[in-house]
C-alpha atoms as a PDB file:
ATOM      1  CA  MET A   1      37.855  50.703  -9.366  1.00  0.00           C
ATOM      2  CA  PHE A   2      40.175  50.093  -6.358  1.00  0.00           C
ATOM      3  CA  LEU A   3      43.007  48.735  -8.957  1.00  0.00           C
ATOM      4  CA  GLN A   4      43.000  52.333 -10.736  1.00  0.00           C
ATOM      5  CA  ILE A   5      43.905  54.132  -7.321  1.00  0.00           C
ATOM      6  CA  ARG A   6      47.693  54.143  -6.775  1.00  0.00           C
ATOM      7  CA  LEU A   7      49.164  53.856  -3.517  1.00  0.00           C
ATOM      8  CA  ASP A   8      51.053  56.478  -1.771  1.00  0.00           C
ATOM      9  CA  LEU A   9      55.090  55.617  -1.840  1.00  0.00           C
ATOM     10  CA  GLU A  10      54.993  55.465   1.941  1.00  0.00           C
ATOM     11  CA  ASP A  11      52.305  53.286   2.112  1.00  0.00           C
ATOM     12  CA  LYS A  12      53.289  50.675  -0.021  1.00  0.00           C
ATOM     13  CA  ASP A  13      55.572  49.097   2.489  1.00  0.00           C
ATOM     14  CA  VAL A  14      52.386  48.228   4.664  1.00  0.00           C
ATOM     15  CA  SER A  15      51.122  46.303   1.801  1.00  0.00           C
ATOM     16  CA  ARG A  16      53.727  43.675   1.340  1.00  0.00           C
ATOM     17  CA  PHE A  17      53.126  40.103   0.748  1.00  0.00           C
ATOM     18  CA  LEU A  18      55.221  36.746   0.176  1.00  0.00           C
ATOM     19  CA  TRP A  19      55.430  35.193  -3.049  1.00  0.00           C
ATOM     20  CA  ARG A  20      56.106  31.518  -2.577  1.00  0.00           C
ATOM     21  CA  ASN A  21      57.587  29.772  -5.485  1.00  0.00           C
ATOM     22  CA  MET A  22      56.638  26.043  -5.427  1.00  0.00           C
ATOM     23  CA  LYS A  23      59.640  24.973  -7.268  1.00  0.00           C
ATOM     24  CA  GLU A  24      62.346  23.047  -5.123  1.00  0.00           C
ATOM     25  CA  GLY A  25      65.057  25.541  -3.853  1.00  0.00           C
ATOM     26  CA  LYS A  26      63.485  28.312  -4.911  1.00  0.00           C
ATOM     27  CA  LYS A  27      63.347  31.315  -2.221  1.00  0.00           C
ATOM     28  CA  GLN A  28      60.454  33.345  -1.272  1.00  0.00           C
ATOM     29  CA  ARG A  29      60.177  36.628  -2.655  1.00  0.00           C
ATOM     30  CA  ILE A  30      58.767  39.761  -1.112  1.00  0.00           C
ATOM     31  CA  PHE A  31      56.355  42.099  -3.393  1.00  0.00           C
ATOM     32  CA  ARG A  32      54.421  45.264  -2.693  1.00  0.00           C
ATOM     33  CA  PHE A  33      51.229  46.359  -3.909  1.00  0.00           C
ATOM     34  CA  ASN A  34      51.199  49.668  -6.165  1.00  0.00           C
ATOM     35  CA  ARG A  35      47.346  49.841  -5.965  1.00  0.00           C
ATOM     36  CA  VAL A  36      44.777  49.709  -3.649  1.00  0.00           C
ATOM     37  CA  THR A  37      43.586  46.175  -3.404  1.00  0.00           C
ATOM     38  CA  PHE A  38      40.127  44.496  -2.549  1.00  0.00           C
ATOM     39  CA  GLY A  39      40.059  43.480   1.264  1.00  0.00           C
ATOM     40  CA  LEU A  40      41.551  46.243   2.612  1.00  0.00           C
ATOM     41  CA  ASN A  41      39.525  47.530   5.425  1.00  0.00           C
ATOM     42  CA  CYS A  42      40.136  51.304   4.164  1.00  0.00           C
ATOM     43  CA  ALA A  43      39.731  50.315   0.484  1.00  0.00           C
ATOM     44  CA  PRO A  44      36.112  51.557   0.495  1.00  0.00           C
ATOM     45  CA  PHE A  45      36.989  54.863   2.352  1.00  0.00           C
ATOM     46  CA  LEU A  46      40.214  55.509  -0.140  1.00  0.00           C
ATOM     47  CA  ALA A  47      37.832  55.042  -3.100  1.00  0.00           C
ATOM     48  CA  MET A  48      35.206  57.370  -1.866  1.00  0.00           C
ATOM     49  CA  ALA A  49      38.016  59.838  -1.037  1.00  0.00           C
ATOM     50  CA  VAL A  50      39.592  59.749  -4.236  1.00  0.00           C
ATOM     51  CA  LEU A  51      36.248  60.319  -6.199  1.00  0.00           C
ATOM     52  CA  HIS A  52      35.429  63.263  -4.110  1.00  0.00           C
ATOM     53  CA  HIS A  53      38.730  64.902  -4.669  1.00  0.00           C
ATOM     54  CA  HIS A  54      38.749  63.994  -8.457  1.00  0.00           C
ATOM     55  CA  ALA A  55      34.843  65.592  -8.611  1.00  0.00           C
ATOM     56  CA  GLU A  56      36.139  68.587  -6.757  1.00  0.00           C
ATOM     57  CA  LEU A  57      39.122  69.180  -8.823  1.00  0.00           C
ATOM     58  CA  ASN A  58      36.755  68.935 -12.086  1.00  0.00           C
ATOM     59  CA  GLN A  59      33.638  70.485 -10.498  1.00  0.00           C
ATOM     60  CA  ALA A  60      34.180  73.881 -12.714  1.00  0.00           C
ATOM     61  CA  GLU A  61      34.005  72.100 -15.923  1.00  0.00           C
ATOM     62  CA  TYR A  62      31.340  69.390 -14.988  1.00  0.00           C
ATOM     63  CA  MET A  63      29.449  70.880 -12.132  1.00  0.00           C
ATOM     64  CA  LYS A  64      26.223  68.425 -12.225  1.00  0.00           C
ATOM     65  CA  ALA A  65      28.500  65.475 -13.023  1.00  0.00           C
ATOM     66  CA  ALA A  66      30.741  66.303  -9.772  1.00  0.00           C
ATOM     67  CA  GLU A  67      27.836  66.929  -7.587  1.00  0.00           C
ATOM     68  CA  ASN A  68      26.206  63.596  -8.418  1.00  0.00           C
ATOM     69  CA  VAL A  69      29.701  62.034  -7.857  1.00  0.00           C
ATOM     70  CA  LYS A  70      29.956  63.539  -4.420  1.00  0.00           C
ATOM     71  CA  ARG A  71      25.939  63.019  -3.307  1.00  0.00           C
ATOM     72  CA  ASN A  72      24.765  60.057  -5.210  1.00  0.00           C
ATOM     73  CA  MET A  73      27.887  57.450  -5.325  1.00  0.00           C
ATOM     74  CA  TYR A  74      28.346  54.831  -2.961  1.00  0.00           C
ATOM     75  CA  VAL A  75      31.888  53.035  -3.670  1.00  0.00           C
ATOM     76  CA  ASP A  76      31.652  52.075  -7.168  1.00  0.00           C
ATOM     77  CA  ASP A  77      27.614  52.448  -7.621  1.00  0.00           C
ATOM     78  CA  ILE A  78      26.162  55.743  -8.831  1.00  0.00           C
ATOM     79  CA  VAL A  79      22.293  56.015  -8.145  1.00  0.00           C
ATOM     80  CA  LEU A  80      20.324  58.952  -9.412  1.00  0.00           C
ATOM     81  CA  SER A  81      17.168  60.035 -10.909  1.00  0.00           C
ATOM     82  CA  CYS A  82      16.422  62.978 -13.741  1.00  0.00           C
ATOM     83  CA  GLU A  83      13.542  65.061 -14.592  1.00  0.00           C
ATOM     84  CA  ASN A  84      13.370  63.715 -18.126  1.00  0.00           C
ATOM     85  CA  GLU A  85      15.198  61.655 -20.718  1.00  0.00           C
ATOM     86  CA  GLU A  86      17.241  64.374 -22.279  1.00  0.00           C
ATOM     87  CA  ASP A  87      18.496  65.174 -18.912  1.00  0.00           C
ATOM     88  CA  ALA A  88      19.421  61.799 -18.280  1.00  0.00           C
ATOM     89  CA  ILE A  89      21.379  61.238 -21.372  1.00  0.00           C
ATOM     90  CA  CYS A  90      23.076  64.559 -20.907  1.00  0.00           C
ATOM     91  CA  ARG A  91      24.092  63.436 -17.179  1.00  0.00           C
ATOM     92  CA  ILE A  92      25.444  60.128 -18.166  1.00  0.00           C
ATOM     93  CA  LYS A  93      27.582  61.583 -21.035  1.00  0.00           C
ATOM     94  CA  GLU A  94      29.052  64.159 -18.510  1.00  0.00           C
ATOM     95  CA  LEU A  95      29.483  61.427 -15.950  1.00  0.00           C
ATOM     96  CA  ARG A  96      31.422  59.246 -18.186  1.00  0.00           C
ATOM     97  CA  LYS A  97      33.609  62.290 -19.528  1.00  0.00           C
ATOM     98  CA  LEU A  98      34.293  63.252 -15.787  1.00  0.00           C
ATOM     99  CA  MET A  99      35.384  59.622 -14.916  1.00  0.00           C
ATOM    100  CA  GLU A 100      37.422  59.200 -17.687  1.00  0.00           C
ATOM    101  CA  ILE A 101      39.601  61.981 -16.728  1.00  0.00           C
ATOM    102  CA  GLY A 102      40.388  60.211 -13.707  1.00  0.00           C
ATOM    103  CA  GLY A 103      40.951  56.715 -15.230  1.00  0.00           C
ATOM    104  CA  PHE A 104      37.510  55.394 -14.427  1.00  0.00           C
ATOM    105  CA  ASP A 105      35.480  53.601 -16.767  1.00  0.00           C
ATOM    106  CA  LEU A 106      31.729  53.442 -15.568  1.00  0.00           C
ATOM    107  CA  THR A 107      29.943  50.363 -16.897  1.00  0.00           C
ATOM    108  CA  LYS A 108      27.017  48.311 -16.325  1.00  0.00           C
ATOM    109  CA  TRP A 109      24.633  50.975 -16.793  1.00  0.00           C
ATOM    110  CA  SER A 110      20.764  50.499 -16.301  1.00  0.00           C
ATOM    111  CA  SER A 111      17.678  52.457 -16.681  1.00  0.00           C
ATOM    112  CA  ASN A 112      14.077  52.029 -16.683  1.00  0.00           C
ATOM    113  CA  ILE A 113      14.030  54.094 -20.170  1.00  0.00           C
ATOM    114  CA  PRO A 114      15.063  51.744 -22.757  1.00  0.00           C
ATOM    115  CA  THR A 115      15.955  55.126 -25.244  1.00  0.00           C
ATOM    116  CA  ILE A 116      18.632  56.268 -22.337  1.00  0.00           C
ATOM    117  CA  MET A 117      20.189  52.846 -23.000  1.00  0.00           C
ATOM    118  CA  ASN A 118      20.266  53.145 -26.743  1.00  0.00           C
ATOM    119  CA  GLU A 119      22.686  56.111 -26.393  1.00  0.00           C
ATOM    120  CA  LEU A 120      25.197  53.703 -24.664  1.00  0.00           C
ATOM    121  CA  PRO A 121      27.630  51.041 -26.251  1.00  0.00           C
ATOM    122  CA  SER A 122      26.278  47.711 -25.828  1.00  0.00           C
ATOM    123  CA  GLU A 123      29.303  46.648 -23.694  1.00  0.00           C
ATOM    124  CA  LYS A 124      28.759  49.304 -21.074  1.00  0.00           C
ATOM    125  CA  ILE A 125      25.230  48.183 -20.630  1.00  0.00           C
ATOM    126  CA  GLU A 126      24.225  45.730 -17.705  1.00  0.00           C
ATOM    127  CA  GLU A 127      22.917  42.681 -19.076  1.00  0.00           C
ATOM    128  CA  HIS A 128      20.529  41.586 -16.321  1.00  0.00           C
ATOM    129  CA  LYS A 129      17.117  43.202 -15.996  1.00  0.00           C
ATOM    130  CA  GLN A 130      17.430  42.949 -12.108  1.00  0.00           C
ATOM    131  CA  VAL A 131      20.199  44.959 -10.436  1.00  0.00           C
ATOM    132  CA  THR A 132      21.252  45.359  -6.737  1.00  0.00           C
ATOM    133  CA  THR A 133      22.541  48.243  -4.881  1.00  0.00           C
ATOM    134  CA  LEU A 134      22.211  49.605  -1.245  1.00  0.00           C
ATOM    135  CA  GLY A 135      20.854  46.013  -0.178  1.00  0.00           C
ATOM    136  CA  MET A 136      17.935  46.263  -2.692  1.00  0.00           C
ATOM    137  CA  SER A 137      17.136  44.734  -6.155  1.00  0.00           C
ATOM    138  CA  SER A 138      15.814  47.077  -8.841  1.00  0.00           C
ATOM    139  CA  ASN A 139      13.719  45.556 -11.693  1.00  0.00           C
ATOM    140  CA  CYS A 140      14.216  48.375 -14.255  1.00  0.00           C
ATOM    141  CA  GLU A 141      11.527  46.596 -16.686  1.00  0.00           C
ATOM    142  CA  LYS A 142       9.085  46.952 -13.981  1.00  0.00           C
ATOM    143  CA  ASP A 143      10.344  50.025 -12.342  1.00  0.00           C
ATOM    144  CA  GLU A 144       9.971  48.643  -8.713  1.00  0.00           C
ATOM    145  CA  LEU A 145      12.363  47.686  -5.742  1.00  0.00           C
ATOM    146  CA  SER A 146      12.326  44.443  -3.727  1.00  0.00           C
ATOM    147  CA  TYR A 147      14.514  43.448  -0.689  1.00  0.00           C
ATOM    148  CA  ASN A 148      17.167  41.009  -0.417  1.00  0.00           C
ATOM    149  CA  THR A 149      16.409  38.451   2.267  1.00  0.00           C
ATOM    150  CA  SER A 150      19.468  36.227   1.376  1.00  0.00           C
ATOM    151  CA  MET A 151      20.229  36.272   4.885  1.00  0.00           C
ATOM    152  CA  GLU A 152      19.638  32.715   6.230  1.00  0.00           C
ATOM    153  CA  ILE A 153      17.810  32.230   9.566  1.00  0.00           C
ATOM    154  CA  ASP A 154      17.225  28.734  10.933  1.00  0.00           C
ATOM    155  CA  GLY A 155      14.323  27.635  12.481  1.00  0.00           C
ATOM    156  CA  LYS A 156      15.459  26.330  15.883  1.00  0.00           C
ATOM    157  CA  LYS A 157      13.781  25.165  19.261  1.00  0.00           C
ATOM    158  CA  GLU A 158      15.419  27.739  21.343  1.00  0.00           C
ATOM    159  CA  TYR A 159      16.870  31.420  20.731  1.00  0.00           C
ATOM    160  CA  THR A 160      19.045  33.451  22.968  1.00  0.00           C
ATOM    161  CA  LYS A 161      19.257  37.200  23.386  1.00  0.00           C
ATOM    162  CA  ARG A 162      22.688  36.766  21.664  1.00  0.00           C
ATOM    163  CA  GLU A 163      21.358  35.390  18.396  1.00  0.00           C
ATOM    164  CA  VAL A 164      18.460  37.983  18.645  1.00  0.00           C
ATOM    165  CA  LEU A 165      20.825  41.009  18.396  1.00  0.00           C
ATOM    166  CA  SER A 166      23.007  38.954  15.924  1.00  0.00           C
ATOM    167  CA  THR A 167      20.409  38.389  13.519  1.00  0.00           C
ATOM    168  CA  ALA A 168      18.618  41.821  13.573  1.00  0.00           C
ATOM    169  CA  SER A 169      21.931  43.752  13.468  1.00  0.00           C
ATOM    170  CA  ARG A 170      22.702  42.155  10.120  1.00  0.00           C
ATOM    171  CA  ILE A 171      19.812  43.334   8.312  1.00  0.00           C
ATOM    172  CA  TYR A 172      21.050  46.269   5.519  1.00  0.00           C
ATOM    173  CA  ASN A 173      18.786  48.911   5.516  1.00  0.00           C
ATOM    174  CA  PRO A 174      20.675  52.208   4.573  1.00  0.00           C
ATOM    175  CA  LEU A 175      17.555  53.762   2.872  1.00  0.00           C
ATOM    176  CA  GLY A 176      15.021  53.020   5.705  1.00  0.00           C
ATOM    177  CA  TYR A 177      12.363  51.149   3.776  1.00  0.00           C
ATOM    178  CA  LEU A 178      12.424  48.152   6.008  1.00  0.00           C
ATOM    179  CA  THR A 179      12.474  50.189   9.497  1.00  0.00           C
ATOM    180  CA  PRO A 180       8.762  49.509  10.299  1.00  0.00           C
ATOM    181  CA  PHE A 181       9.342  45.697  10.255  1.00  0.00           C
ATOM    182  CA  ILE A 182      13.135  46.153  11.755  1.00  0.00           C
ATOM    183  CA  VAL A 183      11.754  48.306  14.671  1.00  0.00           C
ATOM    184  CA  ARG A 184       9.857  45.294  15.908  1.00  0.00           C
ATOM    185  CA  ALA A 185      12.906  43.352  16.486  1.00  0.00           C
ATOM    186  CA  LYS A 186      14.360  46.373  18.358  1.00  0.00           C
ATOM    187  CA  THR A 187      11.441  46.705  20.565  1.00  0.00           C
ATOM    188  CA  LEU A 188      11.780  42.886  21.329  1.00  0.00           C
ATOM    189  CA  ILE A 189      15.668  43.499  22.072  1.00  0.00           C
ATOM    190  CA  GLN A 190      14.447  46.350  24.551  1.00  0.00           C
ATOM    191  CA  GLU A 191      12.171  43.888  26.301  1.00  0.00           C
ATOM    192  CA  LEU A 192      15.304  41.540  26.642  1.00  0.00           C
ATOM    193  CA  TRP A 193      17.067  43.919  28.358  1.00  0.00           C
ATOM    194  CA  GLN A 194      14.112  45.091  30.435  1.00  0.00           C
ATOM    195  CA  ARG A 195      13.802  41.683  31.930  1.00  0.00           C
ATOM    196  CA  GLY A 196      17.286  41.188  32.425  1.00  0.00           C
ATOM    197  CA  LEU A 197      18.091  38.153  30.292  1.00  0.00           C
ATOM    198  CA  HIS A 198      21.894  37.419  29.791  1.00  0.00           C
ATOM    199  CA  TRP A 199      23.359  36.567  26.585  1.00  0.00           C
ATOM    200  CA  GLU A 200      22.854  32.784  26.438  1.00  0.00           C
ATOM    201  CA  ASP A 201      19.689  32.688  28.433  1.00  0.00           C
ATOM    202  CA  PRO A 202      16.837  31.141  26.134  1.00  0.00           C
ATOM    203  CA  LEU A 203      13.992  33.439  25.490  1.00  0.00           C
ATOM    204  CA  PRO A 204      10.677  33.131  27.422  1.00  0.00           C
ATOM    205  CA  ASP A 205       7.743  31.552  25.892  1.00  0.00           C
ATOM    206  CA  ASP A 206       6.033  34.439  24.917  1.00  0.00           C
ATOM    207  CA  LEU A 207       9.081  36.662  23.436  1.00  0.00           C
ATOM    208  CA  LYS A 208       9.869  33.170  21.628  1.00  0.00           C
ATOM    209  CA  THR A 209       6.732  33.200  19.925  1.00  0.00           C
ATOM    210  CA  THR A 210       7.102  37.037  18.902  1.00  0.00           C
ATOM    211  CA  TRP A 211      10.703  36.124  17.476  1.00  0.00           C
ATOM    212  CA  THR A 212       9.556  33.256  15.592  1.00  0.00           C
ATOM    213  CA  ARG A 213       6.720  35.135  14.053  1.00  0.00           C
ATOM    214  CA  TRP A 214       9.207  37.748  13.012  1.00  0.00           C
ATOM    215  CA  ILE A 215      11.884  35.322  11.596  1.00  0.00           C
ATOM    216  CA  THR A 216       8.586  33.758   9.589  1.00  0.00           C
ATOM    217  CA  GLU A 217       7.670  37.269   8.234  1.00  0.00           C
ATOM    218  CA  TRP A 218      11.220  38.177   7.264  1.00  0.00           C
ATOM    219  CA  LYS A 219      11.300  35.232   4.820  1.00  0.00           C
ATOM    220  CA  GLU A 220       8.038  36.745   2.841  1.00  0.00           C
ATOM    221  CA  ILE A 221       9.608  40.314   2.479  1.00  0.00           C
ATOM    222  CA  ARG A 222      11.193  39.067  -0.864  1.00  0.00           C
ATOM    223  CA  ASN A 223       7.578  39.066  -2.176  1.00  0.00           C
ATOM    224  CA  VAL A 224       7.325  42.861  -1.353  1.00  0.00           C
ATOM    225  CA  ARG A 225       7.420  45.181  -4.028  1.00  0.00           C
ATOM    226  CA  THR A 226       7.606  48.996  -3.809  1.00  0.00           C
ATOM    227  CA  PRO A 227       7.453  51.585  -6.701  1.00  0.00           C
ATOM    228  CA  ARG A 228      10.512  52.998  -7.470  1.00  0.00           C
ATOM    229  CA  CYS A 229       9.274  56.572  -8.251  1.00  0.00           C
ATOM    230  CA  LEU A 230       6.457  57.629  -5.999  1.00  0.00           C
ATOM    231  CA  ILE A 231       6.260  60.989  -7.360  1.00  0.00           C
ATOM    232  CA  GLU A 232       4.104  61.931 -10.551  1.00  0.00           C
ATOM    233  CA  ILE A 233       4.982  65.497 -10.972  1.00  0.00           C
ATOM    234  CA  PRO A 234       8.278  66.864 -12.041  1.00  0.00           C
ATOM    235  CA  THR A 235      10.217  67.754  -8.679  1.00  0.00           C
ATOM    236  CA  LYS A 236      11.055  71.433  -9.716  1.00  0.00           C
ATOM    237  CA  ASN A 237       7.272  71.993  -9.412  1.00  0.00           C
ATOM    238  CA  ILE A 238       7.282  70.970  -5.744  1.00  0.00           C
ATOM    239  CA  ILE A 239       7.621  73.916  -3.438  1.00  0.00           C
END
């Protein structure tokens, strides 16, 4: 997606880089990127700003699709739910047309309804049944969510306040499903401040026991499964 967005002429000079020719006697050359590149801190913002602008330009013709881009898109992932299969298929077609106008190709589609996937070219479909977005894994076959616990937390003899804060802040939880678990770590952090511990002070035995238990349970969260859909009636019937 980033490479589909052209840089403004005035911004190209700040994306210069040296190209070193390894042949003897060849001088280094200076090049400029013409497109937004991976690794730039501002790249996700630029991508979202361009997508929102593109959606607004075409909102009159693709109203629902444009609204989905603005409300349901997170950088290069779009996540949405539909009332029925017909609505989903129509929404996919509109989204693809809208994005094609801007030079964007939506791929790796995935759904819990196989018939919806039959409406798409095979090369546009995600091969894996398990897809990841917003810090969670979604199993489309079982239609359930699980949680990414790949963060390494080593067991140690001693822990410090700095390590507790660092570990707790690394958990990615934008949808809030892990909040009941994370709030326990935040309560522990509050206790560390109230007791006046410094950054490199080891945890007292009682707090160390609490933190060690939290780490052990964190590793077990990978086994937790949550149904993706918790509503059994059409949302239009909800008052």
